Amino acid sequence: MFSAFSSIDSIRARTPSEAAVKRLDGIGHVLSDLDLASVQTQDDLTRMLLTLDTADKCIRSIRAEFRTEAASDRLARKAEDLMALIERARDELTGCRTAKS
């Protein structure tokens, strides 16, 4: 069922931090396929916001694995960048929805 995600870890990472970066890359890849302009209905908006919220939770979960360990700068930057993009997309969606109402 989740075979699409098995390739994320197929090339063995040397460190747990590298494995986490690969997971973040996978989340970024999925998010890059989202088309905010395709949101036409309330159901579309709900699905898109749910997808963004789920991605945000996954990123936070990955970051939580490194709370007690020193995470790589690359991991920290990638997580912060993805969360900022999610927030921007969320703002764009809710701003567009408010303007249409």
N, C-alpha and C. Protein backbone atom coordinates (compact mmCIF):
# COMPACT_ATOMS: atom_id res chain seq x y z
N MET A 1 0.82 -1.20 0.00
CA MET A 1 0.00 0.00 0.00
C MET A 1 0.86 1.26 0.00
N PHE A 2 1.93 1.25 0.77
CA PHE A 2 2.79 2.42 0.85
C PHE A 2 4.10 2.20 0.12
N SER A 3 4.07 1.40 -0.91
CA SER A 3 5.30 1.08 -1.63
C SER A 3 5.93 2.30 -2.27
N ALA A 4 5.16 3.33 -2.55
CA ALA A 4 5.72 4.55 -3.14
C ALA A 4 6.73 5.20 -2.21
N PHE A 5 6.57 4.97 -0.92
CA PHE A 5 7.45 5.60 0.04
C PHE A 5 8.65 4.72 0.41
N SER A 6 8.65 3.47 -0.01
CA SER A 6 9.75 2.59 0.35
C SER A 6 11.07 3.02 -0.29
N SER A 7 11.00 3.70 -1.40
CA SER A 7 12.23 4.13 -2.08
C SER A 7 12.94 5.25 -1.32
N ILE A 8 12.22 5.93 -0.43
CA ILE A 8 12.83 7.03 0.31
C ILE A 8 14.01 6.53 1.13
N ASP A 9 13.88 5.36 1.72
CA ASP A 9 14.95 4.82 2.55
C ASP A 9 15.72 3.70 1.86
N SER A 10 15.46 3.48 0.57
CA SER A 10 16.08 2.34 -0.10
C SER A 10 17.60 2.49 -0.18
N ILE A 11 18.08 3.70 -0.36
CA ILE A 11 19.52 3.92 -0.33
C ILE A 11 19.85 4.25 1.12
N ARG A 12 20.61 3.38 1.72
CA ARG A 12 20.89 3.51 3.15
C ARG A 12 21.61 4.81 3.48
N ALA A 13 21.03 5.51 4.43
CA ALA A 13 21.65 6.73 4.93
C ALA A 13 22.74 6.33 5.92
N ARG A 14 23.77 7.15 5.98
CA ARG A 14 24.86 6.86 6.90
C ARG A 14 24.51 7.22 8.34
N THR A 15 23.61 8.18 8.51
CA THR A 15 23.25 8.62 9.85
C THR A 15 21.73 8.73 9.96
N PRO A 16 21.21 8.71 11.18
CA PRO A 16 19.77 8.92 11.35
C PRO A 16 19.33 10.29 10.81
N SER A 17 20.19 11.27 10.92
CA SER A 17 19.87 12.60 10.41
C SER A 17 19.71 12.58 8.90
N GLU A 18 20.55 11.84 8.20
CA GLU A 18 20.43 11.72 6.74
C GLU A 18 19.13 11.02 6.37
N ALA A 19 18.75 10.00 7.14
CA ALA A 19 17.48 9.31 6.87
C ALA A 19 16.31 10.27 7.07
N ALA A 20 16.39 11.11 8.08
CA ALA A 20 15.33 12.08 8.34
C ALA A 20 15.24 13.10 7.20
N VAL A 21 16.38 13.53 6.69
CA VAL A 21 16.39 14.46 5.56
C VAL A 21 15.72 13.82 4.35
N LYS A 22 15.97 12.54 4.13
CA LYS A 22 15.32 11.85 3.01
C LYS A 22 13.81 11.82 3.19
N ARG A 23 13.36 11.61 4.41
CA ARG A 23 11.92 11.64 4.67
C ARG A 23 11.35 13.02 4.40
N LEU A 24 12.06 14.05 4.83
CA LEU A 24 11.62 15.41 4.55
C LEU A 24 11.58 15.69 3.06
N ASP A 25 12.57 15.17 2.33
CA ASP A 25 12.56 15.31 0.87
C ASP A 25 11.30 14.68 0.28
N GLY A 26 10.91 13.52 0.80
CA GLY A 26 9.69 12.85 0.34
C GLY A 26 8.45 13.68 0.60
N ILE A 27 8.38 14.29 1.78
CA ILE A 27 7.25 15.15 2.10
C ILE A 27 7.23 16.35 1.16
N GLY A 28 8.40 16.94 0.91
CA GLY A 28 8.49 18.06 -0.01
C GLY A 28 8.06 17.68 -1.41
N HIS A 29 8.41 16.47 -1.83
CA HIS A 29 8.02 15.99 -3.16
C HIS A 29 6.50 15.89 -3.26
N VAL A 30 5.87 15.33 -2.25
CA VAL A 30 4.41 15.20 -2.24
C VAL A 30 3.77 16.59 -2.26
N LEU A 31 4.28 17.50 -1.44
CA LEU A 31 3.72 18.85 -1.38
C LEU A 31 3.90 19.59 -2.69
N SER A 32 4.99 19.33 -3.39
CA SER A 32 5.23 20.03 -4.66
C SER A 32 4.22 19.65 -5.73
N ASP A 33 3.56 18.52 -5.55
CA ASP A 33 2.54 18.08 -6.51
C ASP A 33 1.17 18.70 -6.24
N LEU A 34 1.03 19.40 -5.12
CA LEU A 34 -0.26 20.02 -4.81
C LEU A 34 -0.49 21.22 -5.71
N ASP A 35 -1.72 21.38 -6.15
CA ASP A 35 -2.08 22.50 -7.02
C ASP A 35 -3.11 23.36 -6.30
N LEU A 36 -2.64 24.42 -5.67
CA LEU A 36 -3.53 25.29 -4.90
C LEU A 36 -4.59 25.93 -5.79
N ALA A 37 -4.26 26.17 -7.04
CA ALA A 37 -5.20 26.81 -7.96
C ALA A 37 -6.38 25.91 -8.29
N SER A 38 -6.23 24.61 -8.05
CA SER A 38 -7.32 23.69 -8.38
C SER A 38 -8.42 23.66 -7.32
N VAL A 39 -8.22 24.35 -6.22
CA VAL A 39 -9.22 24.37 -5.15
C VAL A 39 -10.42 25.20 -5.61
N GLN A 40 -11.55 24.53 -5.77
CA GLN A 40 -12.77 25.19 -6.26
C GLN A 40 -13.91 25.13 -5.25
N THR A 41 -13.98 24.06 -4.49
CA THR A 41 -15.11 23.86 -3.58
C THR A 41 -14.64 23.82 -2.14
N GLN A 42 -15.60 23.85 -1.23
CA GLN A 42 -15.28 23.72 0.19
C GLN A 42 -14.62 22.37 0.47
N ASP A 43 -15.07 21.31 -0.20
CA ASP A 43 -14.46 19.99 -0.03
C ASP A 43 -13.00 20.00 -0.49
N ASP A 44 -12.73 20.66 -1.62
CA ASP A 44 -11.36 20.78 -2.10
C ASP A 44 -10.49 21.49 -1.06
N LEU A 45 -11.03 22.58 -0.52
CA LEU A 45 -10.30 23.34 0.48
C LEU A 45 -10.03 22.51 1.72
N THR A 46 -11.04 21.79 2.17
CA THR A 46 -10.89 20.94 3.35
C THR A 46 -9.82 19.88 3.12
N ARG A 47 -9.85 19.23 1.97
CA ARG A 47 -8.84 18.20 1.65
C ARG A 47 -7.44 18.79 1.59
N MET A 48 -7.32 19.95 0.98
CA MET A 48 -6.00 20.58 0.84
C MET A 48 -5.46 20.97 2.22
N LEU A 49 -6.31 21.56 3.04
CA LEU A 49 -5.86 21.95 4.39
C LEU A 49 -5.51 20.73 5.23
N LEU A 50 -6.26 19.66 5.08
CA LEU A 50 -5.95 18.42 5.80
C LEU A 50 -4.60 17.87 5.35
N THR A 51 -4.34 17.92 4.06
CA THR A 51 -3.05 17.45 3.54
C THR A 51 -1.91 18.29 4.10
N LEU A 52 -2.09 19.61 4.13
CA LEU A 52 -1.05 20.49 4.67
C LEU A 52 -0.84 20.24 6.17
N ASP A 53 -1.94 20.06 6.89
CA ASP A 53 -1.83 19.79 8.33
C ASP A 53 -1.12 18.47 8.60
N THR A 54 -1.44 17.46 7.80
CA THR A 54 -0.80 16.16 7.97
C THR A 54 0.70 16.24 7.68
N ALA A 55 1.06 16.94 6.62
CA ALA A 55 2.48 17.12 6.29
C ALA A 55 3.20 17.85 7.42
N ASP A 56 2.57 18.89 7.96
CA ASP A 56 3.15 19.64 9.06
C ASP A 56 3.38 18.74 10.27
N LYS A 57 2.42 17.90 10.59
CA LYS A 57 2.56 16.98 11.73
C LYS A 57 3.68 15.98 11.49
N CYS A 58 3.81 15.51 10.26
CA CYS A 58 4.89 14.57 9.94
C CYS A 58 6.26 15.24 10.12
N ILE A 59 6.36 16.46 9.66
CA ILE A 59 7.62 17.20 9.79
C ILE A 59 7.96 17.40 11.26
N ARG A 60 6.96 17.79 12.04
CA ARG A 60 7.18 17.99 13.48
C ARG A 60 7.58 16.69 14.17
N SER A 61 7.01 15.59 13.72
CA SER A 61 7.36 14.29 14.28
C SER A 61 8.81 13.93 13.97
N ILE A 62 9.22 14.19 12.74
CA ILE A 62 10.61 13.92 12.36
C ILE A 62 11.55 14.79 13.19
N ARG A 63 11.21 16.06 13.34
CA ARG A 63 12.05 16.96 14.15
C ARG A 63 12.11 16.50 15.60
N ALA A 64 11.00 15.97 16.11
CA ALA A 64 10.95 15.53 17.51
C ALA A 64 11.93 14.40 17.79
N GLU A 65 12.23 13.61 16.78
CA GLU A 65 13.21 12.52 16.95
C GLU A 65 14.59 13.06 17.32
N PHE A 66 14.84 14.32 17.01
CA PHE A 66 16.18 14.89 17.21
C PHE A 66 16.21 15.94 18.31
N ARG A 67 15.19 15.97 19.15
CA ARG A 67 15.16 16.97 20.22
C ARG A 67 16.33 16.79 21.19
N THR A 68 16.68 15.54 21.46
CA THR A 68 17.76 15.29 22.41
C THR A 68 19.10 15.07 21.72
N GLU A 69 19.08 14.98 20.41
CA GLU A 69 20.32 14.79 19.65
C GLU A 69 20.60 16.05 18.83
N ALA A 70 21.82 16.20 18.46
CA ALA A 70 22.17 17.31 17.59
C ALA A 70 21.78 16.93 16.16
N ALA A 71 20.81 17.63 15.64
CA ALA A 71 20.40 17.39 14.25
C ALA A 71 21.32 18.19 13.33
N SER A 72 21.45 17.70 12.13
CA SER A 72 22.27 18.42 11.17
C SER A 72 21.62 19.75 10.82
N ASP A 73 22.44 20.70 10.43
CA ASP A 73 21.92 22.00 10.00
C ASP A 73 20.99 21.82 8.80
N ARG A 74 21.35 20.89 7.93
CA ARG A 74 20.54 20.63 6.74
C ARG A 74 19.14 20.17 7.13
N LEU A 75 19.06 19.29 8.11
CA LEU A 75 17.77 18.79 8.58
C LEU A 75 16.94 19.93 9.17
N ALA A 76 17.56 20.73 10.01
CA ALA A 76 16.85 21.84 10.65
C ALA A 76 16.36 22.84 9.61
N ARG A 77 17.21 23.19 8.65
CA ARG A 77 16.83 24.14 7.60
C ARG A 77 15.70 23.60 6.74
N LYS A 78 15.82 22.34 6.34
CA LYS A 78 14.80 21.74 5.47
C LYS A 78 13.46 21.69 6.19
N ALA A 79 13.46 21.30 7.46
CA ALA A 79 12.21 21.25 8.22
C ALA A 79 11.59 22.64 8.34
N GLU A 80 12.41 23.63 8.67
CA GLU A 80 11.90 24.99 8.81
C GLU A 80 11.38 25.53 7.48
N ASP A 81 12.10 25.25 6.40
CA ASP A 81 11.67 25.71 5.07
C ASP A 81 10.33 25.08 4.68
N LEU A 82 10.19 23.78 4.90
CA LEU A 82 8.94 23.11 4.56
C LEU A 82 7.79 23.64 5.40
N MET A 83 8.02 23.86 6.68
CA MET A 83 6.95 24.37 7.54
C MET A 83 6.55 25.79 7.13
N ALA A 84 7.52 26.59 6.70
CA ALA A 84 7.21 27.94 6.23
C ALA A 84 6.40 27.89 4.93
N LEU A 85 6.75 26.98 4.04
CA LEU A 85 5.99 26.83 2.79
C LEU A 85 4.56 26.37 3.07
N ILE A 86 4.42 25.46 4.01
CA ILE A 86 3.09 24.99 4.39
C ILE A 86 2.26 26.15 4.94
N GLU A 87 2.88 26.94 5.77
CA GLU A 87 2.16 28.09 6.35
C GLU A 87 1.76 29.09 5.27
N ARG A 88 2.65 29.34 4.33
CA ARG A 88 2.33 30.24 3.21
C ARG A 88 1.17 29.70 2.37
N ALA A 89 1.21 28.40 2.09
CA ALA A 89 0.14 27.77 1.31
C ALA A 89 -1.18 27.85 2.07
N ARG A 90 -1.13 27.59 3.35
CA ARG A 90 -2.33 27.67 4.18
C ARG A 90 -2.90 29.10 4.15
N ASP A 91 -2.01 30.09 4.30
CA ASP A 91 -2.44 31.48 4.26
C ASP A 91 -3.05 31.84 2.91
N GLU A 92 -2.43 31.36 1.84
CA GLU A 92 -2.94 31.63 0.50
C GLU A 92 -4.33 31.01 0.32
N LEU A 93 -4.49 29.78 0.79
CA LEU A 93 -5.78 29.10 0.66
C LEU A 93 -6.87 29.81 1.48
N THR A 94 -6.57 30.13 2.69
CA THR A 94 -7.59 30.75 3.53
C THR A 94 -7.85 32.19 3.09
N GLY A 95 -6.84 32.87 2.58
CA GLY A 95 -7.03 34.22 2.05
C GLY A 95 -7.88 34.21 0.81
N CYS A 96 -7.64 33.24 -0.07
CA CYS A 96 -8.43 33.11 -1.30
C CYS A 96 -9.87 32.76 -0.96
N ARG A 97 -10.04 31.90 -0.01
CA ARG A 97 -11.39 31.45 0.39
C ARG A 97 -12.16 32.63 0.98
N THR A 98 -11.48 33.45 1.79
CA THR A 98 -12.14 34.60 2.38
C THR A 98 -12.55 35.59 1.29
N ALA A 99 -11.68 35.77 0.31
CA ALA A 99 -11.96 36.73 -0.78
C ALA A 99 -13.14 36.24 -1.63
N LYS A 100 -13.31 34.92 -1.79
CA LYS A 100 -14.38 34.38 -2.62
C LYS A 100 -15.73 34.44 -1.92
N SER A 101 -15.73 34.44 -0.60
CA SER A 101 -16.99 34.41 0.16
C SER A 101 -17.76 35.69 0.06
